[in-house]
N, C-alpha and C. Protein backbone atom coordinates (compact mmCIF):
# COMPACT_ATOMS: atom_id res chain seq x y z
N MET A 1 -31.48 -10.46 -35.83
CA MET A 1 -31.80 -9.32 -35.69
C MET A 1 -33.09 -9.18 -34.89
N ALA A 2 -32.97 -8.81 -34.26
CA ALA A 2 -34.17 -8.25 -33.06
C ALA A 2 -35.74 -7.71 -33.73
N SER A 3 -36.56 -7.82 -33.31
CA SER A 3 -37.80 -7.84 -34.47
C SER A 3 -38.04 -6.00 -34.09
N ARG A 4 -38.59 -5.90 -35.11
CA ARG A 4 -38.37 -3.77 -35.12
C ARG A 4 -40.06 -3.65 -34.89
N THR A 5 -40.14 -3.56 -33.15
CA THR A 5 -41.74 -3.50 -33.10
C THR A 5 -42.02 -2.06 -32.47
N ALA A 6 -40.72 -1.10 -31.84
CA ALA A 6 -40.98 -0.21 -31.12
C ALA A 6 -41.22 0.76 -32.11
N GLU A 7 -42.11 1.76 -31.73
CA GLU A 7 -42.50 2.47 -32.04
C GLU A 7 -41.89 4.50 -32.13
N VAL A 8 -40.95 4.56 -33.26
CA VAL A 8 -40.54 5.74 -33.02
C VAL A 8 -41.44 6.84 -33.91
N LYS A 9 -41.98 8.32 -33.38
CA LYS A 9 -42.47 9.20 -34.33
C LYS A 9 -41.58 10.49 -34.22
N SER A 10 -41.98 11.11 -35.64
CA SER A 10 -40.63 12.12 -35.63
C SER A 10 -42.03 12.92 -36.53
N TYR A 11 -41.30 14.37 -36.10
CA TYR A 11 -42.62 15.19 -37.15
C TYR A 11 -41.54 16.06 -38.09
N VAL A 12 -41.33 16.04 -39.76
CA VAL A 12 -41.01 16.96 -40.50
C VAL A 12 -41.70 17.48 -41.74
N SER A 13 -41.21 18.44 -41.93
CA SER A 13 -41.79 18.58 -42.97
C SER A 13 -42.31 18.01 -44.14
N PRO A 14 -43.26 17.93 -44.86
CA PRO A 14 -42.97 17.04 -46.17
C PRO A 14 -42.25 16.79 -47.45
N GLU A 15 -41.87 18.18 -47.39
CA GLU A 15 -40.84 18.66 -48.22
C GLU A 15 -39.41 17.58 -47.60
N VAL A 16 -38.80 17.88 -46.39
CA VAL A 16 -38.32 17.15 -46.24
C VAL A 16 -38.43 15.33 -45.83
N LYS A 17 -39.26 15.07 -45.67
CA LYS A 17 -39.70 13.55 -45.35
C LYS A 17 -39.38 13.31 -47.10
N ALA A 18 -39.89 13.81 -48.28
CA ALA A 18 -40.03 13.49 -49.54
C ALA A 18 -38.70 13.43 -49.98
N ALA A 19 -37.81 14.39 -50.00
CA ALA A 19 -36.51 14.15 -50.25
C ALA A 19 -35.66 13.39 -49.53
N ALA A 20 -35.69 12.94 -48.24
CA ALA A 20 -35.03 11.91 -48.03
C ALA A 20 -35.43 10.49 -48.21
N SER A 21 -36.47 10.60 -48.58
CA SER A 21 -37.33 8.92 -48.57
C SER A 21 -36.22 8.98 -50.36
N ASP A 22 -36.35 10.07 -51.31
CA ASP A 22 -36.16 9.60 -52.62
C ASP A 22 -34.93 9.35 -52.57
N VAL A 23 -33.70 9.56 -51.42
CA VAL A 23 -31.94 9.88 -50.87
C VAL A 23 -32.25 8.40 -50.57
N TYR A 24 -33.00 7.81 -49.54
CA TYR A 24 -32.97 6.46 -49.56
C TYR A 24 -33.09 5.61 -50.23
N ALA A 25 -34.44 5.98 -50.83
CA ALA A 25 -34.80 4.62 -52.13
C ALA A 25 -33.83 4.54 -53.18
N ARG A 26 -32.93 5.53 -53.39
CA ARG A 26 -31.56 5.43 -54.33
C ARG A 26 -31.00 4.38 -53.89
N TRP A 27 -31.05 3.86 -52.47
CA TRP A 27 -30.16 2.55 -51.53
C TRP A 27 -30.66 1.84 -51.53
N GLY A 28 -32.19 1.68 -52.08
CA GLY A 28 -33.13 0.50 -51.96
C GLY A 28 -33.53 0.46 -50.07
N MET A 29 -33.43 1.37 -49.55
CA MET A 29 -34.10 1.34 -48.15
C MET A 29 -35.08 2.36 -47.83
N SER A 30 -36.18 2.15 -47.13
CA SER A 30 -37.10 2.63 -46.87
C SER A 30 -36.96 3.95 -45.95
N LEU A 31 -37.57 4.64 -45.56
CA LEU A 31 -37.27 5.97 -44.72
C LEU A 31 -37.59 4.97 -43.13
N SER A 32 -38.07 4.22 -43.18
CA SER A 32 -37.70 3.56 -41.74
C SER A 32 -36.31 2.79 -41.41
N ASP A 33 -36.16 2.37 -42.79
CA ASP A 33 -35.08 1.75 -42.68
C ASP A 33 -33.55 2.23 -42.30
N ALA A 34 -33.82 3.27 -42.92
CA ALA A 34 -32.68 4.70 -42.67
C ALA A 34 -32.50 5.18 -41.45
N ILE A 35 -33.63 5.41 -40.98
CA ILE A 35 -33.54 5.99 -39.52
C ILE A 35 -33.61 5.15 -38.73
N ASN A 36 -34.00 3.13 -38.47
CA ASN A 36 -32.99 2.34 -37.69
C ASN A 36 -31.93 2.75 -37.83
N THR A 37 -31.09 2.62 -39.10
CA THR A 37 -29.41 2.39 -39.36
C THR A 37 -28.92 3.29 -38.43
N PHE A 38 -29.79 4.76 -39.00
CA PHE A 38 -28.90 5.53 -37.68
C PHE A 38 -28.90 5.42 -36.46
N LEU A 39 -30.08 4.86 -35.79
CA LEU A 39 -30.44 4.66 -34.81
C LEU A 39 -29.28 3.69 -34.14
N ILE A 40 -29.06 2.79 -34.84
CA ILE A 40 -27.83 1.41 -34.77
C ILE A 40 -26.49 2.00 -34.43
N LYS A 41 -26.31 3.10 -35.52
CA LYS A 41 -24.80 3.15 -35.63
C LYS A 41 -24.59 4.77 -34.58
N SER A 42 -25.92 5.13 -34.21
CA SER A 42 -25.48 5.85 -32.78
C SER A 42 -25.29 5.47 -31.45
N VAL A 43 -25.98 4.07 -31.40
CA VAL A 43 -25.42 3.49 -30.02
C VAL A 43 -24.30 2.93 -30.45
N GLU A 44 -23.65 2.41 -31.81
CA GLU A 44 -22.55 1.62 -31.78
C GLU A 44 -21.78 2.67 -31.46
N VAL A 45 -21.57 4.27 -32.03
CA VAL A 45 -20.44 5.05 -31.57
C VAL A 45 -20.59 5.83 -30.55
N GLY A 46 -21.92 5.37 -30.23
CA GLY A 46 -21.96 6.58 -28.71
C GLY A 46 -22.76 7.85 -28.91
N GLY A 47 -22.94 8.05 -29.96
CA GLY A 47 -23.62 9.49 -30.64
C GLY A 47 -23.74 9.83 -31.81
N LEU A 48 -23.69 10.71 -32.56
CA LEU A 48 -24.33 11.17 -33.75
C LEU A 48 -23.16 10.41 -34.45
N PRO A 49 -23.49 9.51 -35.68
CA PRO A 49 -22.89 8.91 -36.27
C PRO A 49 -21.89 9.51 -37.32
N PHE A 50 -21.77 10.79 -37.32
CA PHE A 50 -21.43 11.81 -38.24
C PHE A 50 -20.56 13.13 -37.75
N ASN A 51 -19.44 13.86 -38.37
CA ASN A 51 -19.28 14.87 -37.89
C ASN A 51 -19.97 15.70 -38.18
N MET A 52 -20.44 17.07 -36.93
CA MET A 52 -21.29 17.45 -37.35
C MET A 52 -20.65 18.94 -37.81
N ARG A 53 -19.29 19.21 -37.60
CA ARG A 53 -18.84 20.40 -37.90
C ARG A 53 -18.45 20.85 -39.32
N PRO A 54 -18.70 22.04 -40.00
CA PRO A 54 -18.42 22.62 -41.09
C PRO A 54 -17.50 21.63 -41.84
N GLU A 55 -17.00 21.96 -42.90
CA GLU A 55 -15.89 21.36 -43.45
C GLU A 55 -15.57 22.63 -44.06
N PRO A 56 -14.11 23.36 -43.90
CA PRO A 56 -13.61 24.57 -43.93
C PRO A 56 -13.68 25.26 -45.52
N LYS A 57 -13.69 26.35 -45.72
CA LYS A 57 -13.51 26.74 -47.37
C LYS A 57 -12.32 27.24 -47.31
N PRO A 58 -11.50 27.14 -47.97
CA PRO A 58 -10.33 27.32 -48.76
C PRO A 58 -10.33 28.91 -48.69
N VAL A 59 -9.11 28.90 -48.62
CA VAL A 59 -8.40 30.66 -47.97
C VAL A 59 -8.24 30.76 -48.91
N TYR A 60 -7.94 32.52 -49.07
CA TYR A 60 -7.21 33.13 -50.46
C TYR A 60 -6.07 33.53 -49.42
N ARG A 61 -4.97 33.09 -50.26
CA ARG A 61 -3.74 33.57 -50.28
C ARG A 61 -3.18 34.65 -51.25
N ALA A 62 -2.70 35.54 -51.45
CA ALA A 62 -2.12 36.58 -52.04
C ALA A 62 -0.70 35.76 -52.78
N SER A 63 -0.18 34.74 -51.93
CA SER A 63 0.95 34.17 -52.33
C SER A 63 0.68 33.03 -53.40
N THR A 64 -0.55 32.65 -53.07
CA THR A 64 -0.63 31.80 -54.01
C THR A 64 -1.47 31.68 -55.06
N VAL A 65 -1.26 33.01 -55.09
CA VAL A 65 -2.48 33.45 -56.75
C VAL A 65 -1.46 33.86 -57.57
N LEU A 66 -1.42 33.38 -58.69
CA LEU A 66 -0.30 33.34 -60.08
C LEU A 66 -0.37 35.17 -60.75
N PRO A 67 0.86 35.27 -60.96
CA PRO A 67 0.62 36.87 -61.53
C PRO A 67 -0.53 36.83 -62.43
N ALA A 68 -0.92 38.29 -63.09
CA ALA A 68 -1.47 38.58 -64.23
C ALA A 68 -0.85 37.87 -65.43
N ASP A 69 -2.21 37.41 -65.84
CA ASP A 69 -1.94 36.70 -67.42
C ASP A 69 -2.25 37.44 -68.27
N PRO A 70 -1.19 38.67 -69.60
CA PRO A 70 -1.59 39.34 -70.25
C PRO A 70 -2.60 38.76 -71.12
N ALA A 71 -2.82 37.66 -71.15
CA ALA A 71 -3.54 37.18 -72.49
C ALA A 71 -5.45 37.18 -72.28
N TYR A 72 -5.04 36.75 -70.64
CA TYR A 72 -6.58 37.06 -70.06
C TYR A 72 -6.89 38.11 -69.11
N GLY A 73 -5.48 39.39 -69.06
CA GLY A 73 -5.78 40.17 -67.82
C GLY A 73 -6.34 40.37 -66.83
N SER A 74 -6.31 38.97 -66.08
CA SER A 74 -6.14 38.68 -64.76
C SER A 74 -5.69 37.78 -64.38
N SER A 75 -5.41 37.14 -62.71
CA SER A 75 -4.81 36.51 -62.14
C SER A 75 -5.83 35.18 -62.28
N ILE A 76 -5.15 34.09 -62.72
CA ILE A 76 -5.64 33.04 -62.36
C ILE A 76 -5.67 31.96 -61.29
N LEU A 77 -6.63 32.08 -60.17
CA LEU A 77 -6.37 31.31 -59.18
C LEU A 77 -6.17 29.62 -59.23
N PRO A 78 -5.40 29.23 -58.12
CA PRO A 78 -4.91 28.02 -58.31
C PRO A 78 -5.87 27.38 -58.19
N ALA A 79 -5.49 25.65 -58.80
CA ALA A 79 -7.24 24.61 -59.45
C ALA A 79 -7.85 24.18 -57.63
N ASP A 80 -7.02 24.53 -56.53
CA ASP A 80 -7.11 23.52 -54.71
C ASP A 80 -8.06 24.95 -54.22
N MET A 81 -8.46 26.28 -55.16
CA MET A 81 -9.44 27.44 -54.35
C MET A 81 -11.00 26.67 -55.07
N ASN A 82 -10.56 25.90 -55.98
CA ASN A 82 -11.97 25.70 -56.96
C ASN A 82 -12.70 24.86 -55.70
N ASP A 83 -14.10 25.70 -56.28
CA ASP A 83 -15.38 25.28 -55.20
C ASP A 83 -16.35 24.48 -56.18
N ASP A 84 -16.60 23.44 -56.41
CA ASP A 84 -17.28 23.10 -57.17
C ASP A 84 -18.75 23.26 -56.85
N GLU A 85 -18.89 23.66 -55.52
CA GLU A 85 -20.67 24.24 -55.65
C GLU A 85 -21.25 25.55 -56.04
N ASP A 86 -20.13 26.51 -56.02
CA ASP A 86 -20.18 27.90 -56.28
C ASP A 86 -19.76 27.92 -58.01
N GLY A 87 -19.15 27.30 -58.40
CA GLY A 87 -18.84 27.07 -60.38
C GLY A 87 -17.95 28.36 -60.70
N LEU A 88 -17.18 29.51 -59.32
CA LEU A 88 -17.02 30.45 -59.54
C LEU A 88 -15.50 30.34 -60.52
N TYR A 89 -14.76 29.11 -60.29
CA TYR A 89 -13.51 28.97 -61.03
C TYR A 89 -13.94 28.99 -62.13
N ASP A 90 -14.96 27.49 -62.65
CA ASP A 90 -15.58 27.58 -63.88
C ASP A 90 -15.65 28.94 -64.68
N ARG A 91 -16.15 29.82 -63.97
CA ARG A 91 -16.60 30.94 -64.96
C ARG A 91 -14.92 31.63 -65.38
N LEU A 92 -14.51 32.11 -63.80
CA LEU A 92 -12.96 31.91 -64.74
C LEU A 92 -12.24 31.85 -65.95
N VAL A 93 -12.39 30.21 -65.59
CA VAL A 93 -10.92 29.65 -66.77
C VAL A 93 -11.74 29.10 -67.57
N ASP A 94 -12.90 29.93 -68.64
CA ASP A 94 -13.30 29.28 -69.46
C ASP A 94 -12.62 28.22 -70.49
């Protein structure tokens, strides 16, 4: 591997720097190691080494919702509508 002597400066908020440092520390990497890895991968793929498009959210389709369950008095959404981030499905099906 070539000597790492070139300097790259970047300005970020202290919160972002701390959070990113924590993330990469879990992988045994310094922030410098992580940035170096990012740059090497960028050169290898000829651009950003990850997809920048947001993941699509599930779409509600009335035809996929089960009919109302008399025991609960409401419809139960299919499991594939579950979005772990919002926890909504968990609140619906205690």
